Amino acid sequence: MTSLRKLGSSDLEVFPLSLGGNVFGWTADEATSFAVLDAYAAAGGNFVDTADGYSAWVPGNKGGESETVIGKWVKARGNRSDVVIATKVSQHPEYQGLSAANIKAAADASLRRLDTDYIDLYYTHFDKPEIPVEEIIGALDELVTAGKVRAIGASNISAERLAASLEFSDREGLAKYVALQPHYNLVSRDTYEGALQDVAARYGLAAVPYYALASGFLTGKYRPGTTVDSPRAGGAAQHLETERGQRVLKALDDIAEAHDAPVATVALAWLAAQPTVVAPIASARTVDQLPALLGVADLTLTDAELSRLTEASA
């Protein structure tokens, strides 16, 4: 059984791969989503990531579809206490922003869709610098005190605002961010490395990176002359046009061959080995896509392999 990892200073313990829920109610219908969730849980997975805004961008959707699917699955399986559910606030069409009133109203709406009494990890989805950190942390602290939220995190936030939030929590004895969700992968390192990673390390935050596979590029399925049927194909394929993208693919191919492992597993293993990272996020719209993601729990790269990938992605 894969050992769970402690999520920062919280009492939450999570599987080393967080299952992305962005596809639920979008490219994966309810039945397929249930099958993916079942397979993830059967492999020991317990950390499901969603947001109240998923998937409002789909014509006919209102936002919250992913939460609703997850809520129905947990109810059907009777496994609420076994699943760490992370969701986010600020992007739902009806609950925009991070005012105190909106944070609390959005949390209640998420709880209804998830059909649960509590959210394990509640992220601010996109920081709103016009809102004082005192107001944001104050509202999140109220949710924690009320038992509606177990732990809080931040996503898409500057190093300065993150540090200010953590300092305020310390100063006032209020709920404090334990996790950070940055954009981070082998072809996007400057989105996290540097000041933001330094703040996370200094305060003991657990990093849970999104776009861990660069919209699919780091699965290795994008190659010169190939066409991939995916809603995210355009964004992923652009990395093929860069020298760095080609260097990274070559290194991934060689290391994957040495381990007889999928390219995606190697890319996730590099990410999981980086300082502060506890569990990369990756999504599967079919059960067949899941084994390559779950493999990160069992693949340990050598120091030489990690160095080669780090150099190729520089």
Protein backbone atom coordinates (compact mmCIF):
# COMPACT_ATOMS: atom_id res chain seq x y z
CA MET A 1 0.00 0.00 0.00
CA THR A 2 1.38 3.40 -0.97
CA SER A 3 2.15 5.51 2.08
CA LEU A 4 0.23 8.76 2.39
CA ARG A 5 1.94 12.11 2.69
CA LYS A 6 1.24 14.77 5.30
CA LEU A 7 -0.30 17.91 3.85
CA GLY A 8 1.77 20.74 5.31
CA SER A 9 1.02 21.46 8.96
CA SER A 10 -2.54 20.08 8.73
CA ASP A 11 -3.71 16.71 10.00
CA LEU A 12 -4.66 15.68 6.45
CA GLU A 13 -2.76 12.79 4.86
CA VAL A 14 -2.95 12.41 1.11
CA PHE A 15 -2.02 10.04 -1.72
CA PRO A 16 0.98 11.29 -3.77
CA LEU A 17 -1.25 11.92 -6.80
CA SER A 18 -4.20 14.28 -6.51
CA LEU A 19 -6.93 13.33 -8.98
CA GLY A 20 -8.03 16.36 -10.97
CA GLY A 21 -11.81 16.77 -11.13
CA ASN A 22 -11.83 19.39 -13.89
CA VAL A 23 -12.94 16.74 -16.43
CA PHE A 24 -15.94 15.54 -14.41
CA GLY A 25 -19.08 16.89 -16.05
CA TRP A 26 -17.01 18.12 -18.99
CA THR A 27 -15.07 15.54 -21.05
CA ALA A 28 -16.09 12.72 -18.69
CA ASP A 29 -19.79 12.11 -18.15
CA GLU A 30 -21.14 10.98 -14.79
CA ALA A 31 -20.79 7.24 -15.42
CA THR A 32 -17.21 7.61 -16.70
CA SER A 33 -16.35 9.94 -13.82
CA PHE A 34 -17.63 7.35 -11.32
CA ALA A 35 -15.50 4.66 -13.01
CA VAL A 36 -12.38 6.86 -12.85
CA LEU A 37 -13.01 7.71 -9.21
CA ASP A 38 -13.62 4.05 -8.37
CA ALA A 39 -10.35 2.99 -10.02
CA TYR A 40 -8.41 5.78 -8.28
CA ALA A 41 -9.83 4.82 -4.88
CA ALA A 42 -9.17 1.12 -5.52
CA ALA A 43 -5.50 1.96 -6.08
CA GLY A 44 -5.33 3.71 -2.70
CA GLY A 45 -6.03 7.23 -3.95
CA ASN A 46 -7.83 9.56 -1.54
CA PHE A 47 -7.14 13.15 -2.72
CA VAL A 48 -9.65 14.62 -5.19
CA ASP A 49 -9.27 18.17 -6.49
CA THR A 50 -12.11 20.29 -7.85
CA ALA A 51 -13.40 23.88 -7.87
CA ASP A 52 -16.77 25.57 -7.76
CA GLY A 53 -16.17 26.98 -11.25
CA TYR A 54 -15.67 23.56 -12.93
CA SER A 55 -16.98 23.44 -15.62
CA ALA A 56 -18.73 26.75 -16.25
CA TRP A 57 -16.87 27.19 -19.55
CA VAL A 58 -18.85 24.38 -21.20
CA PRO A 59 -21.93 25.57 -23.13
CA GLY A 60 -25.02 24.71 -21.09
CA ASN A 61 -23.13 24.33 -17.81
CA LYS A 62 -23.53 26.71 -14.87
CA GLY A 63 -20.45 25.83 -12.81
CA GLY A 64 -20.31 23.32 -9.99
CA GLU A 65 -20.89 20.29 -12.23
CA SER A 66 -17.66 18.63 -11.05
CA GLU A 67 -18.54 19.11 -7.38
CA THR A 68 -21.98 17.63 -8.01
CA VAL A 69 -20.51 14.51 -9.64
CA ILE A 70 -18.03 14.04 -6.79
CA GLY A 71 -20.79 14.54 -4.21
CA LYS A 72 -22.98 11.91 -5.88
CA TRP A 73 -20.08 9.46 -6.06
CA VAL A 74 -19.15 9.88 -2.38
CA LYS A 75 -22.80 9.47 -1.40
CA ALA A 76 -23.20 6.36 -3.55
CA ARG A 77 -20.02 4.76 -2.20
CA GLY A 78 -20.50 5.85 1.42
CA ASN A 79 -16.82 6.75 1.66
CA ARG A 80 -16.83 10.41 2.73
CA SER A 81 -14.43 9.89 5.63
CA ASP A 82 -11.94 8.15 3.33
CA VAL A 83 -11.72 10.94 0.75
CA VAL A 84 -9.86 14.26 1.07
CA ILE A 85 -11.90 16.67 -1.04
CA ALA A 86 -10.25 19.93 -2.12
CA THR A 87 -12.32 22.65 -3.77
CA LYS A 88 -11.88 26.34 -4.50
CA VAL A 89 -13.61 29.70 -4.34
CA SER A 90 -13.69 32.86 -6.53
CA GLN A 91 -14.48 31.65 -10.06
CA HIS A 92 -18.07 30.37 -9.99
CA PRO A 93 -20.20 32.66 -12.23
CA GLU A 94 -22.58 33.36 -9.33
CA TYR A 95 -19.87 33.60 -6.66
CA GLN A 96 -17.10 35.74 -8.09
CA GLY A 97 -14.29 37.15 -6.00
CA LEU A 98 -12.93 36.87 -2.47
CA SER A 99 -15.01 39.25 -0.39
CA ALA A 100 -15.84 37.80 3.02
CA ALA A 101 -19.53 37.51 2.14
CA ASN A 102 -18.78 35.74 -1.15
CA ILE A 103 -16.31 33.27 0.41
CA LYS A 104 -18.92 32.19 2.95
CA ALA A 105 -21.80 32.02 0.46
CA ALA A 106 -19.68 30.11 -2.07
CA ALA A 107 -18.58 27.61 0.61
CA ASP A 108 -22.20 26.90 1.50
CA ALA A 109 -23.02 26.39 -2.18
CA SER A 110 -20.07 24.00 -2.58
CA LEU A 111 -21.18 22.06 0.50
CA ARG A 112 -24.66 21.63 -1.01
CA ARG A 113 -23.29 20.40 -4.34
CA LEU A 114 -20.81 18.07 -2.65
CA ASP A 115 -23.63 16.90 -0.37
CA THR A 116 -21.36 17.00 2.66
CA ASP A 117 -20.99 18.81 5.98
CA TYR A 118 -17.36 19.80 5.49
CA ILE A 119 -14.69 20.57 2.90
CA ASP A 120 -11.30 19.06 3.70
CA LEU A 121 -9.18 21.65 1.88
CA TYR A 122 -10.58 24.99 0.68
CA TYR A 123 -8.47 27.07 -1.69
CA THR A 124 -8.75 30.66 -2.79
CA HIS A 125 -8.73 29.90 -6.53
CA PHE A 126 -7.35 33.18 -7.90
CA ASP A 127 -6.15 35.85 -5.51
CA LYS A 128 -7.89 39.22 -5.70
CA PRO A 129 -5.25 41.80 -4.68
CA GLU A 130 -7.91 44.48 -4.23
CA ILE A 131 -9.30 42.54 -1.24
CA PRO A 132 -7.20 42.91 1.95
CA VAL A 133 -5.65 39.66 3.14
CA GLU A 134 -7.22 40.42 6.53
CA GLU A 135 -10.72 40.10 5.03
CA ILE A 136 -9.92 36.88 3.15
CA ILE A 137 -8.21 35.13 6.06
CA GLY A 138 -10.90 36.34 8.47
CA ALA A 139 -13.64 34.76 6.36
CA LEU A 140 -11.71 31.51 5.92
CA ASP A 141 -11.07 31.37 9.67
CA GLU A 142 -14.81 31.65 10.31
CA LEU A 143 -15.42 28.65 8.06
CA VAL A 144 -12.76 26.63 9.90
CA THR A 145 -14.14 27.64 13.30
CA ALA A 146 -17.64 26.65 12.18
CA GLY A 147 -16.39 23.20 11.16
CA LYS A 148 -17.30 23.72 7.49
CA VAL A 149 -13.63 23.62 6.38
CA ARG A 150 -10.79 21.54 7.82
CA ALA A 151 -7.81 23.29 6.22
CA ILE A 152 -7.19 26.19 3.83
CA GLY A 153 -4.91 26.77 0.86
CA ALA A 154 -4.15 29.31 -1.85
CA SER A 155 -3.82 29.04 -5.61
CA ASN A 156 -2.61 31.56 -8.17
CA ILE A 157 -1.21 34.03 -5.66
CA SER A 158 1.95 36.15 -5.60
CA ALA A 159 4.77 35.46 -3.17
CA GLU A 160 4.15 38.84 -1.54
CA ARG A 161 0.44 38.26 -0.94
CA LEU A 162 1.05 34.71 0.25
CA ALA A 163 3.65 35.88 2.78
CA ALA A 164 1.36 38.70 3.96
CA SER A 165 -1.50 36.22 4.44
CA LEU A 166 0.66 33.82 6.45
CA GLU A 167 2.08 36.62 8.58
CA PHE A 168 -1.42 37.91 9.35
CA SER A 169 -2.60 34.42 10.37
CA ASP A 170 0.39 34.05 12.68
CA ARG A 171 -0.05 37.50 14.17
CA GLU A 172 -3.77 37.10 14.87
CA GLY A 173 -3.82 33.38 15.66
CA LEU A 174 -6.22 32.65 12.80
CA ALA A 175 -6.50 29.76 10.35
CA LYS A 176 -3.40 29.58 8.18
CA TYR A 177 -2.75 28.33 4.67
CA VAL A 178 -1.27 24.83 4.73
CA ALA A 179 -1.18 24.22 0.97
CA LEU A 180 -0.35 26.08 -2.20
CA GLN A 181 -1.53 25.15 -5.67
CA PRO A 182 0.92 26.59 -8.22
CA HIS A 183 1.23 26.14 -11.98
CA TYR A 184 4.34 23.95 -12.14
CA ASN A 185 5.75 21.28 -14.42
CA LEU A 186 8.87 20.38 -16.42
CA VAL A 187 8.16 22.98 -19.11
CA SER A 188 6.86 25.64 -16.73
CA ARG A 189 9.25 26.05 -13.85
CA ASP A 190 9.45 29.83 -13.43
CA THR A 191 5.73 29.85 -12.54
CA TYR A 192 6.73 28.42 -9.15
CA GLU A 193 10.47 28.22 -8.59
CA GLY A 194 11.95 31.30 -6.95
CA ALA A 195 10.15 33.60 -4.54
CA LEU A 196 6.88 31.64 -4.37
CA GLN A 197 8.59 28.34 -3.68
CA ASP A 198 10.78 30.08 -1.10
CA VAL A 199 7.73 31.32 0.83
CA ALA A 200 6.17 27.84 0.70
CA ALA A 201 9.37 26.27 2.02
CA ARG A 202 9.79 28.88 4.74
CA TYR A 203 6.28 28.32 6.10
CA GLY A 204 6.12 24.56 5.55
CA LEU A 205 3.38 24.69 2.94
CA ALA A 206 2.57 21.64 0.82
CA ALA A 207 2.69 22.36 -2.91
CA VAL A 208 0.03 20.62 -4.99
CA PRO A 209 0.89 21.66 -8.56
CA TYR A 210 -1.69 21.94 -11.32
CA TYR A 211 -0.95 21.55 -15.06
CA ALA A 212 1.45 18.87 -13.82
CA LEU A 213 1.51 17.32 -17.31
CA ALA A 214 1.40 20.63 -19.24
CA SER A 215 -2.10 20.00 -20.64
CA GLY A 216 -0.99 16.56 -21.84
CA PHE A 217 2.32 17.48 -23.47
CA LEU A 218 4.28 15.61 -20.81
CA THR A 219 2.38 12.39 -21.50
CA GLY A 220 4.49 12.03 -24.64
CA LYS A 221 1.49 11.70 -26.94
CA TYR A 222 2.31 14.95 -28.74
CA ARG A 223 4.97 14.32 -31.37
CA PRO A 224 5.97 16.05 -34.62
CA GLY A 225 3.45 15.20 -37.31
CA THR A 226 0.84 13.77 -34.95
CA THR A 227 -2.67 15.06 -34.31
CA VAL A 228 -4.23 14.54 -30.89
CA ASP A 229 -7.98 14.66 -30.29
CA SER A 230 -8.17 16.70 -27.11
CA PRO A 231 -9.79 20.00 -26.08
CA ARG A 232 -6.34 21.05 -24.82
CA ALA A 233 -4.32 19.94 -27.85
CA GLY A 234 -3.44 23.46 -29.00
CA GLY A 235 -1.84 24.47 -25.72
CA ALA A 236 0.06 21.22 -25.36
CA ALA A 237 1.37 21.04 -28.91
CA GLN A 238 3.02 24.47 -28.72
CA HIS A 239 5.77 22.98 -26.53
CA LEU A 240 6.86 20.86 -29.50
CA GLU A 241 8.02 24.01 -31.22
CA THR A 242 10.55 24.87 -28.51
CA GLU A 243 14.04 23.47 -28.05
CA ARG A 244 13.33 22.96 -24.39
CA GLY A 245 10.20 20.96 -25.15
CA GLN A 246 12.15 18.66 -27.46
CA ARG A 247 14.99 18.27 -24.93
CA VAL A 248 12.53 17.37 -22.19
CA LEU A 249 10.75 14.81 -24.38
CA LYS A 250 14.07 13.14 -25.27
CA ALA A 251 15.10 12.90 -21.61
CA LEU A 252 11.66 11.61 -20.62
CA ASP A 253 11.74 9.00 -23.39
CA ASP A 254 15.15 7.68 -22.31
CA ILE A 255 14.28 7.51 -18.61
CA ALA A 256 10.85 5.99 -19.30
CA GLU A 257 12.51 3.27 -21.38
CA ALA A 258 15.02 2.54 -18.61
CA HIS A 259 12.18 2.03 -16.11
CA ASP A 260 9.74 0.45 -18.56
CA ALA A 261 7.34 3.16 -17.44
CA PRO A 262 5.01 5.60 -19.24
CA VAL A 263 6.41 9.04 -20.06
CA ALA A 264 3.68 10.66 -17.95
CA THR A 265 4.74 8.67 -14.89
CA VAL A 266 8.32 9.90 -15.23
CA ALA A 267 7.22 13.54 -15.64
CA LEU A 268 5.08 13.28 -12.51
CA ALA A 269 7.88 11.53 -10.60
CA TRP A 270 10.24 14.44 -11.33
CA LEU A 271 7.61 16.88 -10.07
CA ALA A 272 6.83 14.84 -6.96
CA ALA A 273 10.54 14.85 -6.07
CA GLN A 274 10.86 18.65 -6.09
CA PRO A 275 11.19 20.60 -2.83
CA THR A 276 7.83 21.35 -1.12
CA VAL A 277 5.80 19.23 -3.60
CA VAL A 278 3.51 16.73 -1.87
CA ALA A 279 1.12 15.62 -4.64
CA PRO A 280 0.91 16.74 -8.27
CA ILE A 281 -2.58 17.06 -9.74
CA ALA A 282 -3.46 15.17 -12.91
CA SER A 283 -6.81 14.27 -14.42
CA ALA A 284 -8.01 11.24 -16.37
CA ARG A 285 -11.07 11.40 -18.61
CA THR A 286 -11.03 7.62 -19.03
CA VAL A 287 -10.03 4.75 -16.77
CA ASP A 288 -7.37 3.77 -19.33
CA GLN A 289 -5.51 7.03 -18.69
CA LEU A 290 -5.27 6.42 -14.94
CA PRO A 291 -2.47 3.81 -14.56
CA ALA A 292 0.18 6.17 -16.00
CA LEU A 293 -0.81 8.76 -13.39
CA LEU A 294 -1.02 6.36 -10.46
CA GLY A 295 2.46 5.08 -11.30
CA VAL A 296 3.98 8.16 -9.67
CA ALA A 297 3.29 6.55 -6.28
CA ASP A 298 5.74 3.74 -7.03
CA LEU A 299 8.41 5.28 -9.26
CA THR A 300 11.51 6.76 -7.62
CA LEU A 301 13.96 8.36 -10.03
CA THR A 302 17.71 8.29 -9.37
CA ASP A 303 19.58 11.49 -8.59
CA ALA A 304 21.16 11.31 -12.04
CA GLU A 305 17.76 10.98 -13.73
CA LEU A 306 16.34 13.88 -11.74
CA SER A 307 19.37 16.01 -12.66
CA ARG A 308 19.05 15.15 -16.33
CA LEU A 309 15.41 16.24 -16.41
CA THR A 310 16.19 19.39 -14.44
CA GLU A 311 18.95 20.30 -16.90
CA ALA A 312 16.84 19.46 -19.97
CA SER A 313 14.03 21.69 -18.70
CA ALA A 314 16.23 24.65 -17.79
